[in-house]
């Protein structure tokens, strides 16, 4: 291996690479979404991006999975509790169940136990 090359260099089937397909040549479609810099994702999953096997969520829409796991009206920390009632000083609704949960310190005494699933 020389400078700038990795183990996959020269090993990728060019017929499985192209617009909308994983850059690692697995033939799967790119994951939907953006990276931390706002660029479209260019691999099918995190496992493939790291040179490992495809992960369990390969092929799933990342944004849909995140919403499904947290749910509407649920704490963004995915603890399963409902968001706190009220609004922030700026007028936005709370997105966590309590201040302690938002800081990763468990739950406050007045924090509601369960989310009503109706």
N, C-alpha and C. Protein backbone atom coordinates (compact mmCIF):
# COMPACT_ATOMS: atom_id res chain seq x y z
N UNK A 1 0.84 -1.18 0.00
CA UNK A 1 0.00 0.00 0.00
C UNK A 1 0.88 1.24 0.00
N UNK A 2 0.59 2.12 -0.91
CA UNK A 2 1.32 3.37 -0.97
C UNK A 2 0.53 4.49 -0.33
N UNK A 3 1.08 5.64 -0.40
CA UNK A 3 0.43 6.82 0.17
C UNK A 3 -0.91 7.07 -0.51
N UNK A 4 -1.95 7.28 0.27
CA UNK A 4 -3.27 7.62 -0.27
C UNK A 4 -4.13 6.44 -0.66
N UNK A 5 -3.65 5.23 -0.49
CA UNK A 5 -4.43 4.06 -0.85
C UNK A 5 -4.84 3.30 0.40
N UNK A 6 -5.94 2.56 0.28
CA UNK A 6 -6.36 1.71 1.38
C UNK A 6 -6.54 0.29 0.85
N UNK A 7 -6.99 -0.62 1.69
CA UNK A 7 -7.13 -2.02 1.30
C UNK A 7 -8.13 -2.23 0.18
N UNK A 8 -9.08 -1.32 0.02
CA UNK A 8 -10.10 -1.47 -1.03
C UNK A 8 -9.65 -0.93 -2.38
N UNK A 9 -8.54 -0.24 -2.40
CA UNK A 9 -8.06 0.37 -3.64
C UNK A 9 -7.88 -0.70 -4.72
N UNK A 10 -8.56 -0.52 -5.84
CA UNK A 10 -8.48 -1.47 -6.95
C UNK A 10 -9.36 -2.69 -6.80
N UNK A 11 -10.06 -2.82 -5.69
CA UNK A 11 -10.90 -3.99 -5.42
C UNK A 11 -12.39 -3.72 -5.62
N UNK A 12 -12.77 -2.49 -5.93
CA UNK A 12 -14.19 -2.12 -6.05
C UNK A 12 -14.68 -2.37 -7.46
N UNK A 13 -15.81 -3.07 -7.58
CA UNK A 13 -16.44 -3.33 -8.87
C UNK A 13 -17.09 -2.04 -9.35
N UNK A 14 -16.58 -1.48 -10.45
CA UNK A 14 -17.06 -0.19 -10.94
C UNK A 14 -18.53 -0.21 -11.35
N UNK A 15 -19.08 -1.38 -11.66
CA UNK A 15 -20.50 -1.46 -12.05
C UNK A 15 -21.42 -1.23 -10.86
N UNK A 16 -20.88 -1.34 -9.64
CA UNK A 16 -21.69 -1.16 -8.43
C UNK A 16 -21.48 0.21 -7.79
N UNK A 17 -20.81 1.11 -8.48
CA UNK A 17 -20.55 2.46 -7.98
C UNK A 17 -21.13 3.46 -8.96
N UNK A 18 -21.73 4.50 -8.45
CA UNK A 18 -22.28 5.54 -9.30
C UNK A 18 -23.15 6.48 -8.50
N UNK A 19 -23.82 7.39 -9.17
CA UNK A 19 -24.68 8.34 -8.46
C UNK A 19 -25.76 7.62 -7.64
N UNK A 20 -25.83 7.93 -6.37
CA UNK A 20 -26.84 7.34 -5.49
C UNK A 20 -26.47 5.99 -4.93
N UNK A 21 -25.31 5.45 -5.29
CA UNK A 21 -24.88 4.15 -4.78
C UNK A 21 -23.70 4.33 -3.82
N UNK A 22 -23.57 3.40 -2.90
CA UNK A 22 -22.51 3.44 -1.90
C UNK A 22 -21.14 3.53 -2.57
N UNK A 23 -20.29 4.42 -2.09
CA UNK A 23 -18.97 4.63 -2.70
C UNK A 23 -18.03 3.46 -2.47
N UNK A 24 -18.40 2.53 -1.57
CA UNK A 24 -17.54 1.39 -1.28
C UNK A 24 -17.80 0.20 -2.19
N UNK A 25 -18.72 0.34 -3.15
CA UNK A 25 -18.93 -0.68 -4.15
C UNK A 25 -19.73 -1.89 -3.72
N UNK A 26 -20.57 -1.74 -2.69
CA UNK A 26 -21.39 -2.87 -2.26
C UNK A 26 -22.66 -2.98 -3.11
N UNK A 27 -22.98 -1.93 -3.87
CA UNK A 27 -24.15 -1.94 -4.74
C UNK A 27 -25.43 -1.45 -4.09
N UNK A 28 -25.38 -1.13 -2.81
CA UNK A 28 -26.58 -0.64 -2.11
C UNK A 28 -26.72 0.87 -2.29
N UNK A 29 -27.95 1.35 -2.14
CA UNK A 29 -28.22 2.78 -2.26
C UNK A 29 -27.63 3.52 -1.06
N UNK A 30 -27.23 4.77 -1.29
CA UNK A 30 -26.73 5.61 -0.19
C UNK A 30 -27.82 5.80 0.86
N UNK A 31 -27.39 5.91 2.11
CA UNK A 31 -28.32 6.21 3.19
C UNK A 31 -28.87 7.62 2.98
N UNK A 32 -30.11 7.82 3.36
CA UNK A 32 -30.71 9.15 3.25
C UNK A 32 -30.25 10.00 4.42
N UNK A 33 -30.09 11.27 4.18
CA UNK A 33 -29.70 12.17 5.26
C UNK A 33 -28.44 12.93 4.93
N UNK A 34 -27.95 13.65 5.91
CA UNK A 34 -26.78 14.52 5.75
C UNK A 34 -25.78 14.22 6.85
N UNK A 35 -24.51 14.51 6.57
CA UNK A 35 -23.50 14.37 7.61
C UNK A 35 -23.45 15.64 8.46
N UNK A 36 -22.52 15.72 9.39
CA UNK A 36 -22.46 16.86 10.31
C UNK A 36 -22.15 18.18 9.60
N UNK A 37 -21.61 18.11 8.39
CA UNK A 37 -21.30 19.33 7.63
C UNK A 37 -22.36 19.66 6.60
N UNK A 38 -23.47 18.91 6.61
CA UNK A 38 -24.58 19.19 5.70
C UNK A 38 -24.46 18.54 4.33
N UNK A 39 -23.49 17.67 4.13
CA UNK A 39 -23.32 16.98 2.85
C UNK A 39 -24.16 15.72 2.83
N UNK A 40 -24.62 15.34 1.64
CA UNK A 40 -25.38 14.10 1.50
C UNK A 40 -24.47 12.93 1.85
N UNK A 41 -25.04 11.89 2.47
CA UNK A 41 -24.26 10.71 2.82
C UNK A 41 -23.84 9.98 1.55
N UNK A 42 -22.64 9.40 1.55
CA UNK A 42 -22.14 8.73 0.35
C UNK A 42 -21.91 7.24 0.55
N UNK A 43 -22.34 6.70 1.69
CA UNK A 43 -22.29 5.26 1.93
C UNK A 43 -23.67 4.78 2.37
N UNK A 44 -23.86 3.47 2.33
CA UNK A 44 -25.17 2.90 2.66
C UNK A 44 -25.43 2.84 4.16
N UNK A 45 -24.37 2.70 4.95
CA UNK A 45 -24.54 2.61 6.41
C UNK A 45 -23.21 2.91 7.10
N UNK A 46 -23.25 3.07 8.38
CA UNK A 46 -22.04 3.38 9.15
C UNK A 46 -21.03 2.23 9.09
N UNK A 47 -21.52 1.00 9.15
CA UNK A 47 -20.62 -0.15 9.08
C UNK A 47 -19.82 -0.16 7.79
N UNK A 48 -20.49 0.09 6.69
CA UNK A 48 -19.81 0.13 5.39
C UNK A 48 -18.83 1.30 5.33
N UNK A 49 -19.20 2.43 5.89
CA UNK A 49 -18.31 3.60 5.89
C UNK A 49 -17.03 3.33 6.67
N UNK A 50 -17.12 2.48 7.70
CA UNK A 50 -15.96 2.16 8.52
C UNK A 50 -15.19 0.95 8.01
N UNK A 51 -15.63 0.38 6.88
CA UNK A 51 -14.95 -0.78 6.32
C UNK A 51 -15.32 -2.08 7.01
N UNK A 52 -16.43 -2.09 7.73
CA UNK A 52 -16.89 -3.28 8.43
C UNK A 52 -18.08 -3.87 7.69
N UNK A 53 -18.72 -4.88 8.28
CA UNK A 53 -19.95 -5.44 7.71
C UNK A 53 -21.06 -4.41 7.81
N UNK A 54 -22.09 -4.59 6.98
CA UNK A 54 -23.25 -3.70 7.04
C UNK A 54 -23.89 -3.83 8.42
N UNK A 55 -24.37 -2.71 8.95
CA UNK A 55 -24.99 -2.75 10.27
C UNK A 55 -26.47 -3.10 10.18
N UNK A 56 -27.11 -3.27 11.32
CA UNK A 56 -28.51 -3.71 11.38
C UNK A 56 -29.47 -2.72 10.76
N UNK A 57 -29.12 -1.45 10.73
CA UNK A 57 -30.02 -0.43 10.18
C UNK A 57 -29.69 -0.07 8.74
N UNK A 58 -28.85 -0.85 8.09
CA UNK A 58 -28.47 -0.59 6.70
C UNK A 58 -29.72 -0.68 5.82
N UNK A 59 -29.96 0.35 5.04
CA UNK A 59 -31.13 0.40 4.16
C UNK A 59 -32.32 1.09 4.77
N UNK A 60 -32.29 1.37 6.08
CA UNK A 60 -33.40 2.06 6.74
C UNK A 60 -33.16 3.56 6.68
N UNK A 61 -34.22 4.33 6.63
CA UNK A 61 -34.13 5.79 6.63
C UNK A 61 -33.77 6.24 8.04
N UNK A 62 -32.62 6.84 8.22
CA UNK A 62 -32.13 7.22 9.54
C UNK A 62 -33.07 8.19 10.25
N UNK A 63 -33.61 9.16 9.54
CA UNK A 63 -34.51 10.13 10.15
C UNK A 63 -35.79 9.45 10.63
N UNK A 64 -36.33 8.53 9.83
CA UNK A 64 -37.54 7.81 10.21
C UNK A 64 -37.28 6.94 11.42
N UNK A 65 -36.14 6.27 11.45
CA UNK A 65 -35.80 5.42 12.59
C UNK A 65 -35.69 6.23 13.87
N UNK A 66 -35.10 7.42 13.80
CA UNK A 66 -34.95 8.26 14.99
C UNK A 66 -36.30 8.69 15.52
N UNK A 67 -37.20 9.10 14.64
CA UNK A 67 -38.53 9.52 15.06
C UNK A 67 -39.29 8.34 15.64
N UNK A 68 -39.17 7.19 15.00
CA UNK A 68 -39.87 6.00 15.46
C UNK A 68 -39.40 5.59 16.85
N UNK A 69 -38.08 5.70 17.12
CA UNK A 69 -37.57 5.27 18.41
C UNK A 69 -37.91 6.24 19.52
N UNK A 70 -37.98 7.53 19.23
CA UNK A 70 -38.30 8.52 20.26
C UNK A 70 -39.79 8.78 20.32
N UNK A 71 -40.43 8.97 19.18
CA UNK A 71 -41.86 9.18 19.13
C UNK A 71 -42.23 10.64 19.32
N UNK A 72 -43.43 10.98 18.93
CA UNK A 72 -43.92 12.34 19.04
C UNK A 72 -44.32 12.62 20.48
N UNK A 73 -43.86 13.74 21.02
CA UNK A 73 -44.20 14.10 22.39
C UNK A 73 -43.38 13.40 23.44
N UNK A 74 -42.37 12.65 23.01
CA UNK A 74 -41.52 11.93 23.95
C UNK A 74 -40.21 12.68 24.15
N UNK A 75 -39.59 12.46 25.26
CA UNK A 75 -38.31 13.07 25.60
C UNK A 75 -37.27 12.73 24.54
N UNK A 76 -36.48 13.72 24.12
CA UNK A 76 -35.48 13.50 23.08
C UNK A 76 -34.33 12.63 23.57
N UNK A 77 -34.24 12.40 24.87
CA UNK A 77 -33.19 11.54 25.41
C UNK A 77 -33.58 10.06 25.32
N UNK A 78 -34.75 9.78 24.72
CA UNK A 78 -35.24 8.41 24.49
C UNK A 78 -35.39 7.60 25.77
N UNK A 79 -35.82 8.27 26.84
CA UNK A 79 -36.03 7.57 28.12
C UNK A 79 -37.44 6.98 28.21
N UNK A 80 -38.31 7.36 27.26
CA UNK A 80 -39.67 6.83 27.26
C UNK A 80 -40.67 7.69 28.01
N UNK A 81 -40.24 8.79 28.57
CA UNK A 81 -41.15 9.67 29.31
C UNK A 81 -41.61 10.82 28.42
N UNK A 82 -42.76 11.42 28.75
CA UNK A 82 -43.26 12.55 27.93
C UNK A 82 -42.44 13.81 28.19
N UNK A 83 -42.45 14.72 27.21
CA UNK A 83 -41.76 16.00 27.40
C UNK A 83 -42.48 16.78 28.50
N UNK A 84 -41.73 17.64 29.17
CA UNK A 84 -42.30 18.47 30.23
C UNK A 84 -43.29 19.46 29.64
N UNK A 85 -44.31 19.79 30.41
CA UNK A 85 -45.30 20.78 29.97
C UNK A 85 -44.69 22.17 30.10
N UNK A 86 -45.18 23.08 29.28
CA UNK A 86 -44.71 24.46 29.35
C UNK A 86 -43.78 24.81 28.21
N UNK A 87 -43.18 25.98 28.33
CA UNK A 87 -42.32 26.49 27.26
C UNK A 87 -41.03 27.06 27.85
N UNK A 88 -40.03 27.14 27.00
CA UNK A 88 -38.76 27.75 27.39
C UNK A 88 -38.95 29.27 27.40
N UNK A 89 -38.00 30.02 27.96
CA UNK A 89 -38.12 31.49 27.93
C UNK A 89 -38.23 32.07 26.52
N UNK A 90 -37.71 31.36 25.53
CA UNK A 90 -37.80 31.85 24.15
C UNK A 90 -39.13 31.50 23.49
N UNK A 91 -39.99 30.75 24.19
CA UNK A 91 -41.31 30.42 23.68
C UNK A 91 -41.43 29.06 23.02
N UNK A 92 -40.35 28.31 22.93
CA UNK A 92 -40.40 26.97 22.33
C UNK A 92 -40.83 25.96 23.39
N UNK A 93 -41.49 24.90 22.96
CA UNK A 93 -41.87 23.84 23.88
C UNK A 93 -40.65 23.06 24.33
N UNK A 94 -40.73 22.47 25.52
CA UNK A 94 -39.62 21.65 26.01
C UNK A 94 -39.47 20.41 25.15
N UNK A 95 -38.24 19.89 25.04
CA UNK A 95 -38.01 18.68 24.27
C UNK A 95 -37.47 17.54 25.12
N UNK A 96 -37.36 17.77 26.43
CA UNK A 96 -36.97 16.72 27.36
C UNK A 96 -37.99 16.64 28.48
N UNK A 97 -37.95 15.55 29.24
CA UNK A 97 -38.93 15.35 30.31
C UNK A 97 -38.60 16.18 31.55
N UNK A 98 -37.32 16.38 31.82
CA UNK A 98 -36.91 17.18 32.98
C UNK A 98 -35.46 17.64 32.80
N UNK A 99 -35.05 18.58 33.60
CA UNK A 99 -33.69 19.13 33.50
C UNK A 99 -32.64 18.06 33.81
N UNK A 100 -32.90 17.22 34.80
CA UNK A 100 -31.92 16.18 35.15
C UNK A 100 -31.68 15.22 33.99
N UNK A 101 -32.74 14.84 33.30
CA UNK A 101 -32.61 13.93 32.16
C UNK A 101 -31.80 14.60 31.05
N UNK A 102 -32.06 15.86 30.80
CA UNK A 102 -31.33 16.60 29.76
C UNK A 102 -29.84 16.67 30.06
N UNK A 103 -29.49 16.65 31.34
CA UNK A 103 -28.09 16.72 31.75
C UNK A 103 -27.48 15.34 31.99
N UNK A 104 -28.27 14.28 31.76
CA UNK A 104 -27.76 12.92 31.95
C UNK A 104 -27.62 12.52 33.40
N UNK A 105 -28.45 13.08 34.27
CA UNK A 105 -28.36 12.82 35.71
C UNK A 105 -29.57 12.06 36.25
N UNK A 106 -30.19 11.23 35.47
CA UNK A 106 -31.38 10.52 35.94
C UNK A 106 -32.61 11.38 35.74
N UNK A 107 -33.56 11.31 36.68
CA UNK A 107 -34.80 12.07 36.57
C UNK A 107 -35.09 12.83 37.85
N UNK A 108 -35.71 13.99 37.70
CA UNK A 108 -36.12 14.81 38.84
C UNK A 108 -37.31 14.16 39.54
N UNK A 109 -37.55 14.55 40.77
CA UNK A 109 -38.64 13.97 41.56
C UNK A 109 -40.00 14.19 40.92
N UNK A 110 -40.25 15.32 40.29
CA UNK A 110 -41.55 15.62 39.70
C UNK A 110 -41.71 15.17 38.25
N UNK A 111 -40.77 14.42 37.74
CA UNK A 111 -40.81 13.99 36.33
C UNK A 111 -41.86 12.90 36.15
N UNK A 112 -42.72 13.06 35.12
CA UNK A 112 -43.77 12.06 34.85
C UNK A 112 -43.14 10.72 34.49
N UNK A 113 -43.74 9.65 35.00
CA UNK A 113 -43.18 8.31 34.81
C UNK A 113 -43.31 7.76 33.40
N UNK A 114 -44.52 7.81 32.82
CA UNK A 114 -44.73 7.13 31.54
C UNK A 114 -45.42 8.03 30.53
N UNK A 115 -45.18 7.72 29.27
CA UNK A 115 -45.81 8.41 28.16
C UNK A 115 -47.15 7.74 27.89
N UNK A 116 -48.23 8.53 27.78
CA UNK A 116 -49.55 7.98 27.45
C UNK A 116 -49.56 7.63 25.97
N UNK A 117 -49.76 6.36 25.66
CA UNK A 117 -49.76 5.89 24.26
C UNK A 117 -51.17 5.74 23.76
N UNK A 118 -51.84 6.83 23.48
CA UNK A 118 -53.22 6.78 23.00
C UNK A 118 -53.33 7.24 21.60
